[in-house]
Protein backbone atom coordinates (compact mmCIF):
# COMPACT_ATOMS: atom_id res chain seq x y z
CA UNK A 1 1.55 -1.72 16.15
CA UNK A 2 3.60 -3.99 13.81
CA UNK A 3 3.99 -3.02 10.61
CA UNK A 4 5.01 -5.58 7.87
CA UNK A 5 5.28 -5.34 3.86
CA UNK A 6 3.86 -8.48 1.43
CA UNK A 7 6.36 -9.82 -0.87
CA UNK A 8 5.58 -8.00 -3.54
CA UNK A 9 5.25 -4.73 -1.65
CA UNK A 10 8.91 -5.04 -0.44
CA UNK A 11 10.00 -6.36 -4.16
CA UNK A 12 8.53 -2.76 -5.40
CA UNK A 13 10.68 -0.66 -2.69
CA UNK A 14 13.71 -2.13 -3.71
CA UNK A 15 13.32 -2.26 -7.31
CA UNK A 16 12.10 1.83 -7.06
CA UNK A 17 15.11 2.59 -4.93
CA UNK A 18 17.53 0.84 -7.26
CA UNK A 19 15.77 2.70 -10.39
CA UNK A 20 16.18 6.19 -8.18
CA UNK A 21 19.33 5.51 -7.30
CA UNK A 22 20.45 4.90 -10.89
CA UNK A 23 19.55 8.72 -11.90
CA UNK A 24 20.18 10.23 -8.51
CA UNK A 25 21.46 8.94 -5.01
CA UNK A 26 19.60 11.88 -2.96
CA UNK A 27 16.56 10.96 -4.63
CA UNK A 28 16.74 7.29 -3.47
CA UNK A 29 17.45 8.03 -0.35
CA UNK A 30 14.52 10.57 0.07
CA UNK A 31 12.24 8.01 -0.79
CA UNK A 32 13.48 5.23 1.45
CA UNK A 33 13.62 7.77 4.02
CA UNK A 34 9.63 9.05 3.29
CA UNK A 35 9.04 5.00 3.72
CA UNK A 36 10.87 4.82 6.80
CA UNK A 37 8.83 8.03 8.41
CA UNK A 38 5.46 6.40 6.72
CA UNK A 39 6.17 2.58 8.15
CA UNK A 40 6.71 4.59 11.94
CA UNK A 41 3.75 7.16 11.35
CA UNK A 42 1.44 4.01 10.76
CA UNK A 43 3.09 2.43 13.45
CA UNK A 44 1.58 5.04 15.96
CA UNK A 45 -1.74 6.06 13.66
CA UNK A 46 -2.60 2.64 11.89
CA UNK A 47 -5.84 4.56 10.51
CA UNK A 48 -4.24 7.56 9.07
CA UNK A 49 -4.75 6.49 5.24
CA UNK A 50 -8.41 7.13 3.50
CA UNK A 51 -10.50 4.21 2.85
CA UNK A 52 -9.51 3.28 -1.03
CA UNK A 53 -12.40 4.21 -3.57
CA UNK A 54 -10.82 3.23 -6.46
CA UNK A 55 -10.91 -0.30 -5.12
CA UNK A 56 -14.29 -1.08 -3.55
CA UNK A 57 -12.86 -3.73 -0.99
CA UNK A 58 -13.89 -3.38 2.86
CA UNK A 59 -10.67 -2.46 5.02
CA UNK A 60 -8.14 -1.23 2.58
CA UNK A 61 -6.66 2.19 3.43
CA UNK A 62 -4.61 4.52 1.16
CA UNK A 63 -2.17 6.33 1.81
CA UNK A 64 -0.52 8.92 -0.42
CA UNK A 65 3.11 9.45 0.01
CA UNK A 66 4.10 12.44 -2.55
CA UNK A 67 3.71 10.59 -6.05
CA UNK A 68 3.03 7.11 -4.56
CA UNK A 69 0.32 5.37 -3.23
CA UNK A 70 0.77 2.94 -0.62
CA UNK A 71 -2.85 0.43 0.22
CA UNK A 72 -2.61 -1.16 3.54
CA UNK A 73 -5.34 -2.93 5.31
CA UNK A 74 -5.31 -3.67 9.24
CA UNK A 75 -5.17 -6.99 9.99
CA UNK A 76 -5.23 -9.25 13.53
CA UNK A 77 -2.91 -6.23 15.60
CA UNK A 78 -0.53 -5.61 12.70
CA UNK A 79 -0.82 -3.04 9.39
CA UNK A 80 -0.17 -4.97 6.22
CA UNK A 81 1.10 -3.01 3.61
CA UNK A 82 0.51 -5.28 0.37
CA UNK A 83 0.62 -2.59 -2.78
CA UNK A 84 2.69 0.48 -3.55
CA UNK A 85 2.87 2.27 -6.55
CA UNK A 86 3.89 5.61 -8.49
CA UNK A 87 0.68 7.53 -9.62
CA UNK A 88 1.86 7.63 -12.87
CA UNK A 89 2.04 3.60 -12.93
CA UNK A 90 -1.22 1.95 -14.47
CA UNK A 91 -3.37 0.30 -11.71
CA UNK A 92 -2.80 -3.31 -11.32
CA UNK A 93 -5.72 -5.24 -13.39
CA UNK A 94 -7.77 -8.04 -11.86
CA UNK A 95 -11.48 -9.72 -12.28
CA UNK A 96 -14.00 -10.01 -9.98
CA UNK A 97 -15.57 -13.46 -9.93
CA UNK A 98 -19.02 -12.95 -11.47
CA UNK A 99 -20.62 -13.85 -8.17
CA UNK A 100 -18.93 -11.70 -6.46
CA UNK A 101 -21.41 -8.92 -4.76
CA UNK A 102 -19.64 -6.20 -2.58
CA UNK A 103 -23.33 -5.88 -0.60
CA UNK A 104 -23.47 -9.52 0.79
CA UNK A 105 -20.69 -10.62 3.68
CA UNK A 106 -18.96 -13.49 3.10
CA UNK A 107 -20.98 -15.48 6.08
CA UNK A 108 -23.86 -15.91 4.72
CA UNK A 109 -26.06 -19.23 5.81
């Protein structure tokens, strides 16, 4: 299965590798190697992550890659990695619309 990164996730990988490289070439290479292995694993086993209880959105899975949290979903036969963060980083903040109901389907008549 094809594994793609959102522009935001791709930027995170580049920034994190550059930050790690500024402190340790070995740490940067380890991060990139781990990420490459994760992408390879997801291509063969796309459901190897766990459903994300922190963000109750149907279909979102999370894989813990060492100190990093990788959020993704499977969309039309493709794995889309849309968010990556170090566990010590604060999760992204967002607000749900007041009419948003997690128990109702979006295809109401």
